[in-house]
Protein backbone atom coordinates (compact mmCIF):
# COMPACT_ATOMS: atom_id res chain seq x y z
CA MET A 1 -51.11 20.37 2.84
CA MET A 2 -48.40 21.65 0.56
CA ARG A 3 -46.59 23.21 3.52
CA ASN A 4 -46.70 19.86 5.40
CA LYS A 5 -45.16 18.09 2.37
CA ILE A 6 -42.40 20.65 2.20
CA MET A 7 -41.65 20.32 5.89
CA ALA A 8 -41.59 16.53 5.58
CA LEU A 9 -39.21 16.80 2.65
CA ILE A 10 -36.92 19.10 4.60
CA ALA A 11 -36.95 16.76 7.63
CA ALA A 12 -36.08 13.75 5.35
CA MET A 13 -33.18 15.72 3.85
CA ALA A 14 -31.95 16.65 7.31
CA LEU A 15 -32.07 13.01 8.40
CA THR A 16 -30.09 11.97 5.31
CA LEU A 17 -27.40 14.61 6.03
CA ASN A 18 -27.23 13.63 9.69
CA SER A 19 -26.93 9.96 8.75
CA THR A 20 -24.05 10.70 6.40
CA ALA A 21 -22.32 12.93 9.03
CA ALA A 22 -22.69 10.18 11.62
CA ASN A 23 -20.80 7.77 9.34
CA ILE A 24 -17.96 10.05 8.22
CA GLU A 25 -16.51 12.99 10.14
CA THR A 26 -13.32 15.08 9.76
CA ASP A 27 -11.38 16.93 12.43
CA ARG A 28 -11.54 20.32 10.64
CA THR A 29 -13.87 22.29 8.43
CA TRP A 30 -11.11 23.33 6.01
CA TYR A 31 -7.49 22.27 5.37
CA VAL A 32 -4.24 23.71 4.15
CA ALA A 33 -2.61 21.62 1.41
CA GLY A 34 0.07 19.48 3.10
CA GLU A 35 -1.81 18.99 6.39
CA ALA A 36 -3.05 15.68 7.76
CA MET A 37 -6.78 15.06 7.68
CA ALA A 38 -8.21 12.83 10.41
CA VAL A 39 -11.24 10.82 9.30
CA ASN A 40 -13.61 9.18 11.75
CA VAL A 41 -15.60 6.33 10.18
CA THR A 42 -18.65 4.40 11.44
CA THR A 43 -19.90 1.48 9.39
CA ASP A 44 -21.40 -1.92 10.04
CA ASP A 45 -19.69 -3.76 7.18
CA GLY A 46 -16.11 -5.01 6.82
CA LEU A 47 -12.86 -4.77 8.69
CA ILE A 48 -11.23 -2.11 6.51
CA ALA A 49 -12.67 1.14 5.16
CA TYR A 50 -11.23 3.16 2.31
CA ALA A 51 -11.23 6.96 2.49
CA GLU A 52 -10.38 8.82 -0.74
CA LEU A 53 -10.25 12.49 -1.63
CA CYS A 54 -11.11 13.35 -5.27
CA ASP A 55 -11.83 16.33 -7.43
CA THR A 56 -13.40 16.12 -10.88
CA GLN A 57 -9.99 15.25 -12.49
CA GLY A 58 -8.84 12.29 -10.31
CA LEU A 59 -7.72 10.90 -7.00
CA ALA A 60 -5.86 13.44 -4.84
CA ALA A 61 -5.13 11.32 -1.78
CA GLY A 62 -6.40 8.31 0.17
CA SER A 63 -6.02 6.10 3.22
CA LYS A 64 -7.00 2.65 4.45
CA ILE A 65 -8.67 2.59 7.88
CA LEU A 66 -8.84 -0.41 10.17
CA LEU A 67 -12.26 -0.85 11.74
CA HIS A 68 -12.98 -2.27 15.20
CA GLU A 69 -16.60 -2.99 16.13
CA GLY A 70 -17.67 -0.81 13.21
CA ARG A 71 -15.56 2.19 14.06
CA GLY A 72 -12.16 3.48 12.94
CA ILE A 73 -10.03 6.60 12.74
CA GLY A 74 -7.56 7.14 9.89
CA THR A 75 -5.35 9.85 8.49
CA ILE A 76 -5.16 11.20 4.95
CA GLU A 77 -1.89 12.95 4.15
CA LEU A 78 -2.78 15.81 1.87
CA PRO A 79 -0.21 16.51 -0.86
CA THR A 80 1.43 19.90 -0.73
CA ASP A 81 0.60 20.59 -4.40
CA LEU A 82 -3.15 20.35 -4.18
CA HIS A 83 -5.03 23.18 -5.84
CA SER A 84 -7.37 25.36 -3.82
CA GLY A 85 -11.04 24.42 -3.98
CA TYR A 86 -13.53 21.86 -2.99
CA TYR A 87 -12.92 18.11 -3.01
CA VAL A 88 -15.18 15.12 -2.27
CA LEU A 89 -14.27 12.80 0.56
CA SER A 90 -15.68 9.28 -0.06
CA VAL A 91 -15.63 6.43 2.46
CA TYR A 92 -16.61 2.87 1.66
CA THR A 93 -15.74 -0.79 2.25
CA ARG A 94 -14.98 -3.31 -0.44
CA HIS A 95 -18.12 -5.36 0.06
CA SER A 96 -20.87 -2.78 0.62
CA THR A 97 -22.41 -0.71 -2.19
CA LYS A 98 -22.94 2.20 0.22
CA VAL A 99 -20.61 5.18 -0.19
CA TYR A 100 -20.54 8.02 2.34
CA GLN A 101 -19.46 11.35 0.97
CA ARG A 102 -18.97 14.95 2.07
CA LEU A 103 -17.40 18.14 0.71
CA VAL A 104 -13.95 19.16 1.98
CA ALA A 105 -12.39 22.58 1.42
CA VAL A 106 -8.65 22.77 0.76
CA VAL A 107 -6.67 25.99 0.42
CA ASN A 108 -3.11 26.31 -0.85
CA PRO A 109 -1.69 29.70 0.17
CA LEU A 110 1.82 28.84 -1.10
CA HIS A 111 1.07 27.83 -4.69
CA LYS A 112 -1.32 29.06 -7.34
CA SER A 113 -2.74 26.65 -9.88
CA VAL A 114 -4.73 26.92 -13.07
CA ASN A 115 -7.19 24.51 -11.35
CA ASP A 116 -7.84 26.81 -8.42
CA ASP A 117 -11.55 27.37 -7.87
CA ILE A 118 -11.60 29.73 -4.85
CA GLU A 119 -12.61 33.28 -3.98
CA TRP A 120 -10.44 34.73 -1.17
CA VAL A 121 -12.39 37.08 1.11
CA GLU A 122 -10.34 38.57 3.91
CA ILE A 123 -12.05 38.95 7.32
CA ALA A 124 -11.73 42.36 8.92
CA HIS A 125 -12.91 41.45 12.44
CA ALA A 126 -10.07 40.35 14.72
CA ASP A 127 -12.24 37.90 16.71
CA SER A 128 -13.52 36.06 13.64
CA SER A 129 -12.24 32.67 12.38
CA SER A 130 -11.67 31.51 8.86
CA HIS A 131 -14.47 29.51 7.30
CA ALA A 132 -15.44 28.11 3.89
CA LYS A 133 -18.77 27.95 2.17
CA PRO A 134 -20.00 26.83 -1.28
CA GLY A 135 -20.72 29.41 -3.88
CA GLU A 136 -24.32 29.69 -4.91
CA ALA A 137 -23.82 29.27 -8.66
CA THR A 138 -22.61 25.70 -8.87
CA THR A 139 -24.23 22.48 -7.69
CA THR A 140 -22.47 19.21 -6.86
CA GLU A 141 -23.33 15.93 -8.53
CA TRP A 142 -22.36 12.94 -6.38
CA ILE A 143 -21.53 9.38 -7.23
CA GLY A 144 -23.20 7.42 -4.48
CA ASP A 145 -22.98 3.72 -5.33
CA LYS A 146 -20.26 1.25 -6.38
CA ASP A 147 -19.92 -2.32 -7.52
CA ILE A 148 -19.54 -4.95 -4.85
CA ASP A 149 -15.96 -6.25 -4.46
CA GLU A 150 -14.48 -8.91 -2.17
CA ARG A 151 -15.25 -8.80 1.56
CA GLU A 152 -12.08 -8.26 3.63
CA THR A 153 -12.64 -10.57 6.55
CA GLU A 154 -9.14 -11.73 7.37
CA GLY A 155 -6.79 -9.04 6.11
CA HIS A 156 -6.09 -6.37 3.54
CA ILE A 157 -6.52 -7.28 -0.14
CA ILE A 158 -4.01 -6.00 -2.70
CA LYS A 159 -4.31 -6.46 -6.44
CA ALA A 160 -1.66 -6.31 -9.15
CA ARG A 161 -1.71 -6.37 -12.97
CA ILE A 162 0.63 -8.60 -14.90
CA LYS A 163 1.79 -8.07 -18.48
CA LYS A 164 2.53 -11.32 -20.32
CA ALA A 165 5.72 -11.56 -22.29
CA HIS A 166 4.42 -14.25 -24.64
CA HIS A 167 1.04 -15.65 -25.57
CA SER A 168 2.00 -18.95 -23.95
CA ASP A 169 2.23 -17.22 -20.54
CA SER A 170 -1.52 -16.68 -20.51
CA ILE A 171 -2.71 -20.18 -21.42
CA GLU A 172 -3.56 -20.88 -17.82
CA GLY A 173 -3.49 -18.39 -14.97
CA SER A 174 -1.96 -20.97 -12.66
CA GLN A 175 1.23 -20.96 -14.77
CA ILE A 176 2.04 -17.46 -13.53
CA CYS A 177 3.46 -17.18 -9.99
CA ALA A 178 2.96 -13.70 -8.55
CA SER A 179 4.44 -12.72 -5.17
CA LEU A 180 4.33 -9.79 -2.75
CA SER A 181 7.12 -9.42 -0.19
CA ILE A 182 7.91 -6.78 2.39
CA VAL A 183 11.47 -5.47 2.23
CA GLY A 184 13.16 -5.68 5.63
CA LYS A 185 14.88 -7.90 8.12
CA GLN A 186 11.73 -9.89 8.76
CA ILE A 187 10.15 -12.21 6.22
CA HIS A 188 6.62 -11.39 5.06
CA TYR A 189 6.07 -13.21 1.79
CA PHE A 190 2.72 -13.76 0.03
CA GLU A 191 1.90 -15.48 -3.24
CA GLY A 192 -1.07 -14.20 -5.16
CA LYS A 193 -4.16 -15.98 -6.42
CA MET A 194 -4.69 -15.41 -10.13
CA ASP A 195 -8.10 -13.85 -10.45
CA ASN A 196 -7.77 -14.09 -14.28
CA ASP A 197 -4.86 -14.42 -16.67
CA SER A 198 -3.53 -10.96 -15.83
CA THR A 199 -4.71 -10.02 -12.28
CA ALA A 200 -3.14 -11.32 -9.09
CA VAL A 201 -4.94 -10.99 -5.75
CA PHE A 202 -2.91 -10.94 -2.47
CA TYR A 203 -4.55 -11.52 0.90
CA THR A 204 -2.11 -9.88 3.29
CA TYR A 205 -2.20 -10.09 7.08
CA GLY A 206 -0.03 -9.23 10.08
CA ILE A 207 1.31 -5.99 8.59
CA HIS A 208 0.40 -2.40 9.41
CA GLY A 209 1.96 0.99 8.79
CA LYS A 210 4.12 2.21 5.84
CA HIS A 211 6.55 -0.32 4.45
CA PRO A 212 8.55 -0.81 1.26
CA LEU A 213 7.35 -3.82 -0.70
CA VAL A 214 8.25 -5.64 -3.91
CA LEU A 215 5.85 -7.21 -6.42
CA SER A 216 7.16 -9.89 -8.78
CA ALA A 217 5.75 -12.28 -11.30
CA LEU A 218 7.25 -15.38 -12.99
CA SER A 219 5.96 -17.35 -15.97
CA SER A 220 6.06 -21.14 -15.99
CA SER A 221 9.31 -20.90 -17.92
CA GLY A 222 10.93 -18.79 -15.17
CA THR A 223 10.75 -15.50 -17.11
CA SER A 224 10.29 -12.37 -15.05
CA LEU A 225 7.08 -10.60 -16.09
CA PRO A 226 6.26 -6.90 -15.62
CA ILE A 227 3.87 -6.37 -12.74
CA GLU A 228 2.32 -3.24 -11.18
CA MET A 229 -0.03 -2.63 -8.31
CA ILE A 230 -3.62 -1.69 -9.00
CA SER A 231 -4.74 1.27 -6.95
CA PRO A 232 -6.82 0.07 -3.95
CA PHE A 233 -9.08 3.11 -4.34
CA LEU A 234 -12.08 3.40 -6.68
CA SER A 235 -11.54 7.04 -7.55
CA LEU A 236 -15.18 8.02 -7.28
CA LEU A 237 -15.08 11.34 -9.15
CA PRO A 238 -17.77 13.99 -8.78
CA LYS A 239 -19.10 15.40 -12.05
CA GLN A 240 -19.22 18.95 -10.64
CA LEU A 241 -18.00 20.74 -7.55
CA PRO A 242 -19.21 24.04 -6.09
CA HIS A 243 -17.13 27.17 -6.20
CA LEU A 244 -15.27 27.73 -2.90
CA VAL A 245 -15.81 31.11 -1.14
CA PHE A 246 -13.14 31.24 1.55
CA HIS A 247 -13.46 33.87 4.28
CA TYR A 248 -10.02 33.90 5.77
CA LYS A 249 -8.13 35.50 8.62
CA ARG A 250 -4.60 36.15 7.38
CA SER A 251 -2.88 35.34 10.71
CA GLU A 252 -4.71 32.08 11.08
CA VAL A 253 -3.90 30.88 7.52
CA GLU A 254 -0.29 31.91 7.90
CA ALA A 255 0.05 30.05 11.23
CA ARG A 256 -1.53 26.89 9.78
CA SER A 257 0.77 27.12 6.74
CA ILE A 258 3.88 27.42 8.90
CA ASP A 259 2.80 24.45 11.05
CA MET A 260 2.25 22.40 7.90
CA GLN A 261 5.71 23.18 6.56
CA GLN A 262 7.35 22.23 9.85
CA ARG A 263 5.37 18.98 9.94
CA GLN A 264 6.43 18.10 6.39
CA LEU A 265 10.04 18.24 7.52
CA THR A 266 9.42 15.71 10.29
CA ILE A 267 7.49 13.06 8.25
CA ALA A 268 9.61 9.96 8.39
CA PRO A 269 10.07 7.72 5.29
CA ALA A 270 9.10 4.06 5.38
CA GLN A 271 11.37 1.93 7.48
CA PRO A 272 12.17 -1.83 6.97
CA LEU A 273 10.95 -4.21 9.62
CA ASP A 274 13.34 -5.04 12.46
CA TYR A 275 15.22 -8.28 12.40
CA ASP A 276 13.24 -11.42 13.30
CA ASP A 277 14.46 -14.78 12.11
CA ARG A 278 11.12 -16.62 12.44
CA VAL A 279 9.12 -17.73 9.41
CA LEU A 280 5.56 -18.84 10.07
CA GLY A 281 6.49 -18.99 13.71
CA THR A 282 9.47 -21.34 13.22
CA LYS A 283 13.16 -20.71 13.87
CA PRO A 284 15.78 -21.43 11.20
CA ASP A 285 17.58 -24.75 11.30
CA LEU A 286 20.88 -23.02 10.67
CA THR A 287 21.94 -19.42 11.19
CA TYR A 288 25.16 -17.79 10.05
CA ASN A 289 26.07 -14.45 11.62
CA LEU A 290 28.78 -13.33 9.20
CA ASP A 291 30.34 -11.08 11.86
CA GLU A 292 31.58 -14.28 13.47
CA TYR A 293 33.38 -15.46 10.37
CA ARG A 294 36.19 -14.31 8.15
CA GLN A 295 35.00 -11.62 5.78
CA PHE A 296 34.94 -12.81 2.14
CA LEU A 297 34.31 -10.59 -0.84
CA THR A 298 31.37 -12.44 -2.39
CA ILE A 299 28.41 -14.54 -1.31
CA ARG A 300 29.76 -17.27 -3.59
CA GLU A 301 32.85 -17.59 -1.39
CA VAL A 302 30.80 -17.57 1.81
CA LEU A 303 28.55 -20.39 0.62
CA LEU A 304 31.53 -22.41 -0.50
CA GLU A 305 33.55 -22.02 2.71
CA TYR A 306 30.98 -21.92 5.51
CA VAL A 307 27.37 -22.69 4.65
CA MET A 308 26.05 -26.24 4.93
CA CYS A 309 22.94 -27.72 3.34
CA VAL A 310 22.96 -25.39 0.34
CA SER A 311 23.97 -26.55 -3.15
CA LYS A 312 24.05 -24.96 -6.60
CA ARG A 313 22.45 -26.58 -9.61
CA GLU A 314 21.99 -25.66 -13.24
CA ILE A 315 18.51 -26.07 -14.80
CA ASN A 316 18.05 -25.09 -18.46
CA GLY A 317 21.17 -22.90 -18.22
CA THR A 318 19.91 -21.12 -15.09
CA THR A 319 21.70 -21.26 -11.71
CA GLN A 320 19.52 -22.16 -8.74
CA LEU A 321 20.33 -22.34 -5.05
CA VAL A 322 18.77 -25.31 -3.30
CA VAL A 323 18.38 -26.13 0.40
CA ARG A 324 19.38 -29.80 0.71
CA ASP A 325 17.22 -32.04 2.81
CA GLU A 326 18.60 -35.53 2.45
CA MET A 327 15.67 -36.98 4.41
CA SER A 328 13.13 -35.66 1.93
CA PRO A 329 12.45 -37.73 -1.18
CA PHE A 330 11.39 -34.57 -3.01
CA HIS A 331 14.52 -32.50 -2.41
CA ASP A 332 15.72 -33.00 -6.01
CA PHE A 333 12.41 -31.96 -7.52
CA LEU A 334 10.99 -29.07 -5.47
CA PRO A 335 12.65 -25.63 -5.67
CA SER A 336 13.81 -23.66 -2.66
CA LEU A 337 12.59 -20.14 -1.89
CA VAL A 338 15.56 -17.76 -1.94
CA LEU A 339 15.09 -14.31 -0.36
CA MET A 340 17.22 -11.16 -0.16
CA ASP A 341 15.90 -8.86 2.57
CA GLY A 342 12.52 -10.52 2.04
CA MET A 343 12.57 -10.07 -1.77
CA PRO A 344 12.53 -13.25 -3.92
CA VAL A 345 15.77 -13.80 -5.84
CA ILE A 346 15.40 -14.84 -9.49
CA ASP A 347 18.96 -14.23 -10.73
CA SER A 348 21.10 -16.38 -8.42
CA GLU A 349 24.32 -15.42 -10.18
CA ARG A 350 23.76 -11.79 -9.23
CA LEU A 351 23.30 -12.86 -5.64
CA LEU A 352 26.40 -15.02 -5.68
CA ASN A 353 28.47 -12.06 -6.85
CA TYR A 354 27.02 -9.71 -4.24
CA ASP A 355 29.34 -8.04 -1.70
CA ALA A 356 29.37 -10.38 1.30
CA ARG A 357 30.57 -7.56 3.57
CA ARG A 358 27.12 -5.99 3.28
CA MET A 359 25.46 -9.20 4.50
CA HIS A 360 24.76 -9.80 8.18
CA TYR A 361 22.77 -13.07 8.45
CA ILE A 362 22.15 -16.16 6.34
CA ASN A 363 19.24 -18.22 7.65
CA ILE A 364 18.37 -21.73 6.39
CA TYR A 365 14.98 -23.26 6.96
CA GLY A 366 14.45 -26.97 6.21
CA SER A 367 11.28 -28.88 5.60
CA GLN A 368 8.60 -27.80 3.15
CA TYR A 369 6.72 -24.53 3.03
CA THR A 370 3.55 -23.69 1.20
CA PHE A 371 2.75 -20.14 0.03
CA GLY A 372 -0.39 -19.91 -2.04
CA ASN A 373 -0.25 -22.77 -4.58
CA SER A 374 3.54 -23.16 -4.46
CA ILE A 375 5.50 -25.64 -2.38
CA TYR A 376 9.17 -25.00 -1.56
CA ASN A 377 11.67 -27.41 -0.22
CA GLY A 378 13.30 -25.10 2.31
CA ILE A 379 13.94 -21.32 2.46
CA LEU A 380 17.32 -19.62 2.10
CA SER A 381 17.12 -16.09 3.57
CA PHE A 382 19.87 -13.49 3.21
CA VAL A 383 19.61 -10.42 5.50
CA SER A 384 21.76 -7.38 4.84
CA ARG A 385 23.02 -5.00 7.48
CA THR A 386 20.49 -2.31 6.54
CA GLY A 387 17.59 -4.57 5.55
CA GLN A 388 16.97 -2.22 2.57
CA LEU A 389 18.46 -4.11 -0.39
CA THR A 390 21.65 -2.03 -0.17
CA ASN A 391 23.02 -1.64 -3.70
CA TYR A 392 20.99 -4.70 -4.74
CA PRO A 393 18.69 -3.79 -7.61
CA THR A 394 15.32 -5.44 -8.11
CA GLU A 395 14.86 -7.86 -10.95
CA PRO A 396 13.56 -6.67 -14.35
CA GLY A 397 9.75 -6.37 -14.28
CA MET A 398 9.54 -6.12 -10.49
CA GLN A 399 7.88 -3.15 -8.86
CA TYR A 400 9.34 -1.53 -5.73
CA LEU A 401 7.13 0.95 -3.88
CA GLU A 402 6.19 2.24 -0.45
CA TYR A 403 2.75 1.18 0.72
CA GLU A 404 0.59 2.18 3.66
CA PHE A 405 -1.03 -0.88 5.23
CA PRO A 406 -4.13 -0.37 7.43
């Protein structure tokens, strides 16, 4: 009877391991720091899965994986400075409490670290391959559940934290306008929903790959507030990890290390989106290609000499650029959205003094546009020749970063 119970327990454990393996698989049994890890995910919940690699200290790397009919393949770029040892790979969706996990061995033959937890055992046999196995002395304690978050049914959710400058900025969350914009020659602009008085939630769509983006936040008085992205990963840290015993073949490790270094040299940085003058599927009412006009030194001169339907006004000592729509009864009351390479412009004087020779297009969109809870009477979009905010600094409090969209 006791033997039958033991066999049943072993069978149940095997089924659990097989179930986990069926939901998360990697392309290799061990990795060199700096390599790319392919992660194959199977899950019946959500459109986007999150794969994160952690040790007991913190998050080492992560990736967002788009799911189609419950399946998806993503890539985690391993940093080159990872210490040698075991890590935990966790895969989950925002909505489900289920977390799939497995051990991943990482070796770093180029750098030693005080955090290394590895025993190098060289293989003498020429026909053997390198392999990793856990040491017998240490057990691993997993973290298997998480709190339920929002379900991503339409697009990727990004959250940001806002620091209020004054107490009056946090009276009502709706008084803070937070925005997320992709830097480039296309316009991808999103306004956030205030989850509370300091957290903005952005529901992004139509974007994939690595892109530079800008986060910004304005108080009701027009003051720029400090804002920073909240990590999309939960950082599910294991309490303990087993000691790594790595049986290695020197030639194999050296070859993988050389391939990794060559690959690192070819990794391309984030690129701005190509030029597209449409916003929400509509073409601009007026387009100025500045190559077709006399080159002035500043944007101020260009607007004065060439551009129609744009006026400058002073409100509480602040300069604003407004798209004029004489047919609209609200054109004197509603603001216009002013963008520079997709980034919202707060300081119009800085834009007016910007070098016009770096500018390629000025696009003017009439009518009214709604982003989140804000309504704008027209959009004034400036597109530089590079699409990368050339010599145009972000506003105080804004955050500029590169982000990998699923």
